N, C-alpha and C. Protein backbone atom coordinates (compact mmCIF):
# COMPACT_ATOMS: atom_id res chain seq x y z
N MET A 1 -40.99 177.19 -49.10
CA MET A 1 -39.76 177.24 -48.36
C MET A 1 -38.61 176.80 -49.27
N SER A 2 -37.48 177.44 -49.09
CA SER A 2 -36.32 177.18 -49.94
C SER A 2 -35.57 175.94 -49.48
N ASP A 3 -34.94 175.26 -50.46
CA ASP A 3 -34.11 174.10 -50.15
C ASP A 3 -32.68 174.52 -49.79
N ASN A 4 -32.40 175.81 -49.84
CA ASN A 4 -31.04 176.29 -49.55
C ASN A 4 -30.71 176.08 -48.08
N LYS A 5 -29.56 175.47 -47.85
CA LYS A 5 -29.10 175.23 -46.49
C LYS A 5 -27.71 175.84 -46.34
N PRO A 6 -27.42 176.41 -45.18
CA PRO A 6 -26.07 176.97 -44.98
C PRO A 6 -25.03 175.87 -44.99
N MET A 7 -23.88 176.18 -45.57
CA MET A 7 -22.78 175.23 -45.57
C MET A 7 -21.47 175.98 -45.46
N GLU A 8 -20.51 175.34 -44.85
CA GLU A 8 -19.20 175.95 -44.68
C GLU A 8 -18.31 175.54 -45.84
N LEU A 9 -17.66 176.53 -46.45
CA LEU A 9 -16.79 176.27 -47.60
C LEU A 9 -15.34 176.54 -47.23
N SER A 10 -14.45 175.75 -47.83
CA SER A 10 -13.02 175.98 -47.63
C SER A 10 -12.59 177.20 -48.44
N ALA A 11 -11.37 177.65 -48.23
CA ALA A 11 -10.86 178.80 -48.98
C ALA A 11 -10.84 178.51 -50.47
N GLU A 12 -10.46 177.28 -50.83
CA GLU A 12 -10.42 176.91 -52.25
C GLU A 12 -11.83 176.89 -52.85
N GLU A 13 -12.80 176.35 -52.11
CA GLU A 13 -14.18 176.32 -52.59
C GLU A 13 -14.73 177.74 -52.74
N LEU A 14 -14.39 178.62 -51.80
CA LEU A 14 -14.84 180.01 -51.91
C LEU A 14 -14.25 180.67 -53.14
N ASP A 15 -12.96 180.39 -53.43
CA ASP A 15 -12.34 180.94 -54.63
C ASP A 15 -13.03 180.44 -55.89
N ASN A 16 -13.40 179.15 -55.89
CA ASN A 16 -14.09 178.60 -57.06
C ASN A 16 -15.45 179.24 -57.25
N VAL A 17 -16.16 179.51 -56.17
CA VAL A 17 -17.49 180.11 -56.26
C VAL A 17 -17.38 181.58 -56.64
N ALA A 18 -16.49 182.31 -55.98
CA ALA A 18 -16.39 183.75 -56.19
C ALA A 18 -15.57 184.10 -57.42
N GLY A 19 -14.77 183.16 -57.92
CA GLY A 19 -13.93 183.46 -59.06
C GLY A 19 -12.63 184.13 -58.66
N GLY A 20 -12.31 184.16 -57.39
CA GLY A 20 -11.08 184.78 -56.91
C GLY A 20 -11.40 185.94 -55.99
N ALA A 21 -10.48 186.25 -55.14
CA ALA A 21 -10.65 187.37 -54.22
C ALA A 21 -9.29 187.91 -53.84
N VAL A 22 -9.25 189.18 -53.55
CA VAL A 22 -8.00 189.81 -53.11
C VAL A 22 -8.33 190.91 -52.11
N GLY A 23 -7.48 191.07 -51.13
CA GLY A 23 -7.65 192.14 -50.15
C GLY A 23 -6.32 192.85 -49.95
N LEU A 24 -6.32 194.16 -50.05
CA LEU A 24 -5.12 194.96 -49.87
C LEU A 24 -5.35 195.96 -48.74
N THR A 25 -4.39 196.08 -47.83
CA THR A 25 -4.51 197.02 -46.72
C THR A 25 -3.23 197.82 -46.60
N ASN A 26 -3.37 199.12 -46.42
CA ASN A 26 -2.23 200.01 -46.26
C ASN A 26 -2.49 200.94 -45.08
N ALA A 27 -1.54 201.03 -44.17
CA ALA A 27 -1.69 201.91 -43.00
C ALA A 27 -0.51 202.89 -42.96
N PHE A 28 -0.79 204.11 -42.52
CA PHE A 28 0.23 205.15 -42.44
C PHE A 28 0.03 205.95 -41.17
N VAL A 29 1.10 206.11 -40.39
CA VAL A 29 1.04 206.91 -39.16
C VAL A 29 2.27 207.81 -39.12
N GLU A 30 2.04 209.09 -38.88
CA GLU A 30 3.14 210.04 -38.78
C GLU A 30 2.88 210.97 -37.61
N ASN A 31 3.81 211.04 -36.67
CA ASN A 31 3.69 211.93 -35.51
C ASN A 31 4.93 212.80 -35.43
N LYS A 32 4.73 214.11 -35.29
CA LYS A 32 5.85 215.05 -35.17
C LYS A 32 5.66 215.90 -33.92
N LEU A 33 6.76 216.21 -33.27
CA LEU A 33 6.72 217.09 -32.10
C LEU A 33 7.97 217.95 -32.13
N ASP A 34 7.81 219.26 -32.06
CA ASP A 34 8.92 220.20 -32.08
C ASP A 34 8.72 221.18 -30.93
N THR A 35 9.62 221.20 -29.98
CA THR A 35 9.52 222.10 -28.83
C THR A 35 10.82 222.88 -28.70
N GLN A 36 10.73 224.19 -28.60
CA GLN A 36 11.91 225.03 -28.40
C GLN A 36 11.63 226.01 -27.28
N ALA A 37 12.65 226.37 -26.53
CA ALA A 37 12.51 227.37 -25.46
C ALA A 37 13.81 228.15 -25.36
N SER A 38 13.71 229.42 -25.02
CA SER A 38 14.89 230.26 -24.89
C SER A 38 14.61 231.35 -23.86
N LEU A 39 15.60 231.69 -23.06
CA LEU A 39 15.46 232.76 -22.07
C LEU A 39 16.81 233.45 -21.90
N VAL A 40 16.84 234.75 -22.03
CA VAL A 40 18.05 235.55 -21.81
C VAL A 40 17.71 236.60 -20.76
N ASN A 41 18.50 236.71 -19.73
CA ASN A 41 18.27 237.70 -18.68
C ASN A 41 19.62 238.26 -18.26
N ILE A 42 19.92 239.46 -18.64
CA ILE A 42 21.16 240.13 -18.25
C ILE A 42 20.77 241.26 -17.30
N GLY A 43 21.13 241.13 -16.08
CA GLY A 43 20.73 242.11 -15.07
C GLY A 43 21.93 242.91 -14.58
N ALA A 44 22.11 242.99 -13.30
CA ALA A 44 23.19 243.73 -12.63
C ALA A 44 23.25 245.17 -13.13
N ASN A 45 22.21 245.90 -12.83
CA ASN A 45 22.08 247.33 -13.14
C ASN A 45 21.83 247.59 -14.62
N GLY A 46 21.70 246.60 -15.41
CA GLY A 46 21.31 246.77 -16.80
C GLY A 46 20.02 246.01 -17.00
N GLY A 47 19.53 246.03 -18.14
CA GLY A 47 18.29 245.31 -18.30
C GLY A 47 18.05 244.81 -19.70
N ILE A 48 18.27 243.58 -19.90
CA ILE A 48 17.87 242.90 -21.14
C ILE A 48 17.16 241.63 -20.71
N GLN A 49 15.99 241.47 -21.13
CA GLN A 49 15.25 240.23 -20.89
C GLN A 49 14.63 239.77 -22.20
N SER A 50 14.62 238.52 -22.42
CA SER A 50 14.03 237.98 -23.64
C SER A 50 13.50 236.58 -23.33
N ALA A 51 12.45 236.21 -23.97
CA ALA A 51 11.89 234.87 -23.80
C ALA A 51 11.21 234.44 -25.10
N GLN A 52 11.49 233.27 -25.55
CA GLN A 52 10.85 232.70 -26.73
C GLN A 52 10.42 231.27 -26.41
N THR A 53 9.37 230.87 -27.02
CA THR A 53 8.94 229.47 -26.92
C THR A 53 8.22 229.09 -28.20
N GLN A 54 8.29 227.85 -28.55
CA GLN A 54 7.62 227.36 -29.76
C GLN A 54 7.22 225.91 -29.53
N THR A 55 6.02 225.58 -29.88
CA THR A 55 5.55 224.21 -29.80
C THR A 55 4.82 223.86 -31.09
N THR A 56 5.23 222.82 -31.74
CA THR A 56 4.58 222.35 -32.97
C THR A 56 4.26 220.87 -32.80
N THR A 57 3.03 220.52 -32.96
CA THR A 57 2.62 219.13 -32.88
C THR A 57 1.79 218.79 -34.11
N GLU A 58 2.11 217.70 -34.75
CA GLU A 58 1.38 217.28 -35.95
C GLU A 58 1.22 215.76 -35.92
N SER A 59 0.04 215.30 -36.23
CA SER A 59 -0.23 213.87 -36.24
C SER A 59 -1.11 213.54 -37.44
N LYS A 60 -0.70 212.53 -38.20
CA LYS A 60 -1.47 212.10 -39.37
C LYS A 60 -1.63 210.58 -39.32
N GLN A 61 -2.82 210.12 -39.62
CA GLN A 61 -3.07 208.69 -39.73
C GLN A 61 -3.92 208.44 -40.98
N ALA A 62 -3.69 207.31 -41.60
CA ALA A 62 -4.50 206.91 -42.75
C ALA A 62 -4.58 205.38 -42.78
N LEU A 63 -5.75 204.88 -43.07
CA LEU A 63 -5.95 203.44 -43.24
C LEU A 63 -6.77 203.24 -44.50
N ASN A 64 -6.20 202.53 -45.46
CA ASN A 64 -6.87 202.25 -46.73
C ASN A 64 -7.02 200.74 -46.88
N GLU A 65 -8.21 200.32 -47.22
CA GLU A 65 -8.46 198.89 -47.39
C GLU A 65 -9.27 198.69 -48.66
N LEU A 66 -8.85 197.72 -49.46
CA LEU A 66 -9.51 197.42 -50.72
C LEU A 66 -9.75 195.92 -50.77
N LYS A 67 -10.99 195.51 -51.00
CA LYS A 67 -11.33 194.09 -51.13
C LYS A 67 -12.10 193.91 -52.43
N LEU A 68 -11.68 192.93 -53.20
CA LEU A 68 -12.30 192.64 -54.49
C LEU A 68 -12.61 191.16 -54.59
N THR A 69 -13.72 190.83 -55.20
CA THR A 69 -14.06 189.44 -55.48
C THR A 69 -14.60 189.35 -56.89
N GLY A 70 -14.58 188.17 -57.43
CA GLY A 70 -15.13 187.95 -58.76
C GLY A 70 -14.03 187.83 -59.80
N GLU A 71 -14.43 187.85 -61.04
CA GLU A 71 -13.50 187.75 -62.15
C GLU A 71 -12.92 189.13 -62.45
N PHE A 72 -11.61 189.17 -62.69
CA PHE A 72 -10.94 190.42 -63.00
C PHE A 72 -10.47 190.36 -64.45
N PRO A 73 -10.96 191.26 -65.29
CA PRO A 73 -10.53 191.25 -66.70
C PRO A 73 -9.02 191.41 -66.81
N GLY A 74 -8.39 190.57 -67.59
CA GLY A 74 -6.95 190.65 -67.79
C GLY A 74 -6.13 189.88 -66.77
N VAL A 75 -6.76 189.34 -65.72
CA VAL A 75 -6.04 188.56 -64.71
C VAL A 75 -6.35 187.09 -64.96
N PRO A 76 -5.32 186.24 -65.11
CA PRO A 76 -5.57 184.83 -65.40
C PRO A 76 -6.37 184.15 -64.29
N GLY A 77 -7.21 183.20 -64.65
CA GLY A 77 -8.00 182.46 -63.67
C GLY A 77 -7.10 181.73 -62.68
N GLY A 78 -7.46 181.74 -61.41
CA GLY A 78 -6.68 181.08 -60.38
C GLY A 78 -5.46 181.88 -59.92
N PHE A 79 -5.29 183.10 -60.42
CA PHE A 79 -4.13 183.92 -60.06
C PHE A 79 -4.07 184.21 -58.56
N PHE A 80 -5.24 184.40 -57.92
CA PHE A 80 -5.29 184.74 -56.51
C PHE A 80 -5.44 183.53 -55.60
N SER A 81 -5.43 182.32 -56.15
CA SER A 81 -5.61 181.14 -55.30
C SER A 81 -4.31 180.83 -54.56
N ALA A 82 -4.43 180.09 -53.46
CA ALA A 82 -3.29 179.82 -52.59
C ALA A 82 -2.35 178.75 -53.15
N SER A 83 -2.74 178.03 -54.17
CA SER A 83 -1.90 176.93 -54.67
C SER A 83 -0.76 177.42 -55.52
């Protein structure tokens, strides 16, 4: 049986063990709606009728998340710590 026991570490202790950590999150939402309508009706013994309609709906979403831990080459030690 192992002598390892679970223990709770502070953020600073976790940084010391992991060598630093960083998390980046980027979210993007774009919604578009375009509605057009047209009607022409000329009567009274003549006859012109016209009707147009247009509907455009577009929706885009993106969620990007990046999490890194450990030593980063070229990044000074303690760069990501809270102090």
